[in-house]
Protein backbone atom coordinates (compact mmCIF):
# COMPACT_ATOMS: atom_id res chain seq x y z
CA MET A 1 63.64 113.38 113.05
CA LYS A 2 60.89 113.12 115.93
CA VAL A 3 58.33 115.93 115.35
CA ALA A 4 55.23 116.42 116.91
CA LEU A 5 52.02 118.19 115.34
CA THR A 6 49.53 120.70 116.23
CA GLY A 7 47.04 122.84 114.40
CA LYS A 8 44.30 122.04 111.57
CA HIS A 9 43.79 120.10 108.85
CA LEU A 10 47.00 117.50 109.76
CA GLU A 11 45.72 115.33 107.71
CA ASP A 12 47.21 117.48 104.81
CA ILE A 13 50.69 117.34 106.12
CA LYS A 14 51.41 113.75 107.61
CA PRO A 15 52.72 112.15 103.78
CA PHE A 16 55.03 114.91 103.34
CA LEU A 17 56.52 113.91 106.86
CA GLN A 18 56.26 110.41 106.26
CA LYS A 19 57.92 110.78 102.38
CA HIS A 20 60.78 112.53 104.25
CA GLY A 21 61.49 110.57 106.84
CA PHE A 22 59.87 112.40 109.71
CA SER A 23 58.84 110.54 113.07
CA ILE A 24 55.35 111.76 114.18
CA CYS A 25 54.95 111.09 117.84
CA GLU A 26 53.24 112.57 121.52
CA LYS A 27 56.14 112.06 123.61
CA ASP A 28 59.64 113.88 123.76
CA PRO A 29 59.92 115.40 120.13
CA GLU A 30 62.78 117.05 118.54
CA LEU A 31 60.74 119.90 116.88
CA LEU A 32 56.74 121.01 117.17
CA ILE A 33 55.32 121.69 114.08
CA THR A 34 52.60 124.12 113.83
CA HIS A 35 50.32 123.70 110.86
CA GLY A 36 47.85 127.19 110.35
CA GLY A 37 48.20 130.88 110.86
CA ASP A 38 50.11 133.05 113.33
CA GLY A 39 47.81 132.06 115.70
CA THR A 40 48.87 128.63 115.82
CA LEU A 41 52.87 129.63 116.00
CA LEU A 42 51.58 131.89 119.13
CA GLY A 43 49.71 129.55 120.86
CA ALA A 44 52.15 126.85 120.46
CA GLU A 45 55.04 128.58 121.92
CA ARG A 46 52.77 129.48 124.68
CA LEU A 47 52.03 126.03 125.58
CA PHE A 48 55.22 124.58 124.66
CA PRO A 49 57.77 127.50 125.47
CA GLY A 50 61.42 126.62 124.27
CA LEU A 51 60.82 123.73 122.24
CA PRO A 52 61.60 124.30 118.76
CA LYS A 53 58.94 125.28 116.52
CA LEU A 54 58.84 124.92 112.39
CA PRO A 55 55.74 126.86 111.25
CA LEU A 56 53.83 125.90 107.89
CA ARG A 57 50.54 127.70 106.57
CA ASP A 58 47.49 126.17 105.98
CA VAL A 59 47.24 125.96 101.91
CA ARG A 60 43.18 125.51 102.60
CA THR A 61 43.18 129.21 103.74
CA ALA A 62 47.11 130.56 102.75
CA PRO A 63 47.85 130.14 99.41
CA LEU A 64 51.73 129.73 98.90
CA CYS A 65 54.49 131.32 96.26
CA PRO A 66 56.27 128.54 94.83
CA ASN A 67 59.23 128.74 97.04
CA HIS A 68 57.21 127.80 100.47
CA HIS A 69 55.14 124.75 99.19
CA THR A 70 55.01 122.11 102.50
CA GLU A 71 57.39 119.61 100.75
CA SER A 72 59.81 122.36 99.59
CA ILE A 73 60.13 123.89 103.10
CA LEU A 74 60.40 119.84 104.74
CA GLU A 75 63.23 119.14 102.27
CA LEU A 76 65.28 122.32 103.13
CA LEU A 77 64.71 121.15 106.78
CA ASN A 78 65.97 117.43 106.48
CA GLU A 79 69.28 119.10 104.39
CA GLY A 80 69.89 121.43 107.26
CA LYS A 81 69.37 124.78 105.23
CA LEU A 82 66.33 125.98 106.99
CA PRO A 83 67.37 129.20 109.19
CA LEU A 84 66.69 128.73 112.80
CA SER A 85 66.30 132.10 114.29
CA ARG A 86 65.94 132.92 118.41
CA ILE A 87 62.70 135.20 118.64
CA ALA A 88 62.34 138.30 120.99
CA LYS A 89 59.77 137.66 123.43
CA LEU A 90 57.87 139.95 125.83
CA GLU A 91 57.14 139.53 129.35
CA GLY A 92 54.41 141.39 131.50
CA VAL A 93 54.41 141.46 134.93
CA CYS A 94 52.02 142.94 137.65
CA GLY A 95 53.32 141.96 141.28
CA SER A 96 53.84 137.87 141.15
CA ARG A 97 51.61 137.48 138.10
CA LYS A 98 53.62 137.15 134.65
CA ILE A 99 52.83 136.66 131.15
CA SER A 100 54.42 136.74 127.99
CA GLY A 101 54.36 136.71 124.22
CA ILE A 102 55.99 136.90 120.72
CA ASN A 103 54.24 139.71 119.22
CA ASP A 104 53.11 142.06 121.51
CA VAL A 105 52.01 142.61 125.57
CA PHE A 106 48.78 144.85 125.65
CA ILE A 107 47.00 146.51 128.46
CA HIS A 108 43.26 147.01 127.04
CA ASN A 109 40.10 148.52 128.94
CA ALA A 110 38.42 145.64 130.41
CA LYS A 111 34.88 147.42 129.74
CA ARG A 112 34.19 148.49 126.03
CA VAL A 113 32.21 151.24 127.12
CA SER A 114 34.59 152.37 129.55
CA ALA A 115 38.32 154.05 128.51
CA VAL A 116 41.24 153.17 131.02
CA ARG A 117 43.29 155.95 132.40
CA TYR A 118 46.99 155.16 133.21
CA ARG A 119 50.61 156.27 133.78
CA VAL A 120 53.54 155.49 131.52
CA TRP A 121 57.50 155.39 133.12
CA ILE A 122 60.03 154.32 130.45
CA ASP A 123 63.46 153.26 132.57
CA ASP A 124 62.01 154.77 135.55
CA GLU A 125 61.44 158.17 133.82
CA LEU A 126 57.83 159.94 133.81
CA TYR A 127 56.78 159.89 129.97
CA ALA A 128 52.76 160.53 130.06
CA LYS A 129 51.26 161.67 133.72
CA GLU A 130 47.94 160.58 132.12
CA VAL A 131 46.72 158.69 128.95
CA VAL A 132 42.98 158.48 128.59
CA GLY A 133 42.08 155.44 125.82
CA ASP A 134 41.24 152.41 124.84
CA GLY A 135 44.96 150.76 125.71
CA VAL A 136 48.54 150.60 125.55
CA GLY A 137 51.09 148.19 123.70
CA VAL A 138 54.53 146.92 123.61
CA ALA A 139 55.39 145.01 120.35
CA THR A 140 58.68 143.30 119.37
CA ILE A 141 60.03 143.20 115.64
CA LEU A 142 57.58 140.55 114.71
CA GLY A 143 54.47 141.93 116.47
CA SER A 144 55.28 145.21 114.62
CA THR A 145 53.36 144.00 111.36
CA ALA A 146 50.72 143.12 113.73
CA TYR A 147 48.10 144.91 116.12
CA TYR A 148 50.82 147.49 116.59
CA ARG A 149 50.97 148.42 112.57
CA SER A 150 46.98 148.86 112.99
CA ILE A 151 47.32 151.60 115.57
CA THR A 152 50.29 153.30 114.66
CA HIS A 153 50.16 152.56 110.57
CA GLY A 154 54.14 151.77 110.74
CA ILE A 155 56.62 148.93 111.37
CA PHE A 156 59.78 149.02 113.12
CA ARG A 157 63.24 146.76 112.37
CA VAL A 158 65.22 146.99 115.91
CA GLY A 159 64.29 147.70 119.26
CA ILE A 160 60.53 147.39 120.62
CA GLY A 161 57.48 149.78 120.15
CA LEU A 162 55.06 151.26 122.29
CA ALA A 163 51.75 152.29 120.91
CA PHE A 164 48.87 154.04 122.14
CA SER A 165 44.84 152.83 121.23
CA ASN A 166 42.76 155.53 120.77
CA SER A 167 44.00 157.83 123.31
CA THR A 168 42.27 161.22 123.96
CA GLU A 169 45.22 163.38 123.68
CA VAL A 170 48.20 163.22 120.89
CA THR A 171 50.55 161.06 122.64
CA ASN A 172 53.48 159.82 120.57
CA HIS A 173 54.28 156.23 119.29
CA LEU A 174 57.61 155.10 120.09
CA VAL A 175 60.47 152.77 119.09
CA LEU A 176 62.54 151.97 122.14
CA PRO A 177 65.70 149.97 123.00
CA GLU A 178 65.50 146.26 123.57
CA THR A 179 67.08 146.65 126.99
CA SER A 180 63.97 149.17 127.90
CA VAL A 181 61.17 148.67 130.54
CA ILE A 182 57.96 149.98 130.66
CA LYS A 183 56.22 150.55 133.33
CA PHE A 184 52.12 151.66 133.96
CA ARG A 185 50.33 152.84 136.67
CA ILE A 186 46.24 152.27 136.62
CA ILE A 187 44.68 155.07 137.09
CA ARG A 188 41.46 154.35 136.66
CA GLY A 189 40.19 150.59 135.54
CA PRO A 190 38.99 148.22 135.13
CA SER A 191 41.81 146.49 132.55
CA ILE A 192 43.65 143.48 131.77
CA MET A 193 46.82 142.57 130.23
CA VAL A 194 47.17 140.15 127.88
CA ALA A 195 49.96 138.81 125.45
CA ASP A 196 49.58 137.59 122.08
CA ASN A 197 45.94 138.16 122.56
CA ALA A 198 45.71 135.22 124.62
CA ALA A 199 42.43 135.78 126.64
CA GLU A 200 42.52 132.58 128.89
CA ASP A 201 45.91 134.03 130.23
CA ALA A 202 45.08 137.72 130.62
CA ILE A 203 46.02 139.85 133.97
CA ALA A 204 43.13 141.54 135.59
CA LEU A 205 44.76 145.11 136.89
CA GLU A 206 42.59 147.22 138.73
CA GLU A 207 42.66 151.01 139.97
CA GLY A 208 46.56 151.80 141.51
CA ASP A 209 47.85 148.38 140.03
CA MET A 210 51.55 148.68 138.88
CA ALA A 211 52.69 146.64 135.56
CA SER A 212 55.88 146.37 133.23
CA VAL A 213 56.40 145.05 130.04
CA SER A 214 60.14 144.43 128.87
CA VAL A 215 62.31 141.99 126.90
CA SER A 216 62.08 138.66 128.11
CA SER A 217 65.13 136.60 129.14
CA SER A 218 63.51 133.74 127.23
CA TYR A 219 63.02 133.14 123.40
CA ALA A 220 61.44 131.56 120.91
CA LEU A 221 63.08 128.97 118.79
CA VAL A 222 61.66 129.09 115.04
CA TYR A 223 62.84 127.73 112.19
CA GLY A 224 62.04 128.94 108.68
CA ILE A 225 60.25 132.40 110.39
CA ASP A 226 61.23 134.60 106.79
CA ALA A 227 59.35 131.84 104.85
CA PHE A 228 56.08 131.68 107.08
CA MET A 229 56.37 135.58 106.97
CA CYS A 230 57.09 135.73 103.30
CA PRO A 231 55.92 138.92 101.34
CA GLU A 232 55.06 136.98 97.77
CA CYS A 233 52.79 134.87 100.08
CA ARG A 234 51.04 137.29 101.70
CA GLN A 235 49.97 139.08 98.98
CA LEU A 236 48.42 135.92 97.48
CA ARG A 237 46.41 135.46 100.63
CA LEU A 238 45.54 139.14 100.35
CA ARG A 239 43.90 138.43 96.89
CA ARG A 240 42.63 135.68 98.10
CA SER A 241 40.79 137.63 100.72
CA HIS A 242 40.03 140.69 98.48
CA PRO A 243 38.95 138.76 94.86
CA PHE A 244 36.98 141.62 93.21
CA ASP A 245 38.43 144.04 91.11
CA GLU A 246 38.99 147.62 91.89
CA GLY A 247 36.14 148.70 89.59
CA SER A 248 33.55 146.24 90.61
CA PRO A 249 30.59 147.49 92.26
């Protein structure tokens, strides 16, 4: 199989690829292998949408459980035993400008010292006449474990999630059907709309601008996403991040 590589410390995985007969190339790859963390996968999909991807964790920063070492994942791929998932993406639109993301699309206040005011419709039905806060966003199932979770302290398994960041009034976070279209009118800006934290592709929104977020007609093709998001591997990473005993000063 012809594969292209992106990420950091690629020299760590090249011996495994050569051992298992993968051909590393720069043109017309059948697969893009991302080596790093979540951000590496998100960035790769943004730059190469539609190309199948295999995300591998960088063991220098992310320890792995016994079942998910690089060589084990490559063996499963070679044997045709690594599942290929179609990952839903979100699309944010303002006029002729569009952005898309695997995790989420958020509208943020462009000035950190000033809140953004906005109105919200869900499937053309007014949900909130005016919300004041740091921002608002829509997340996929995959993105529910990222920024959405830090705002709502919860995750979801079906649909798409609508989260309000630091709103001055009580505004319920929602989990909506995948068919939902959420529209936002900026009452007071400035603000930006960004997908998967890709600031370089952000869309500037000014007072009066209307933006919408919905599930995209395109999707990401990812091998081994369950292995990449393994809870046991995550616990190992958390223990590395917090190495001290609870009783330590």
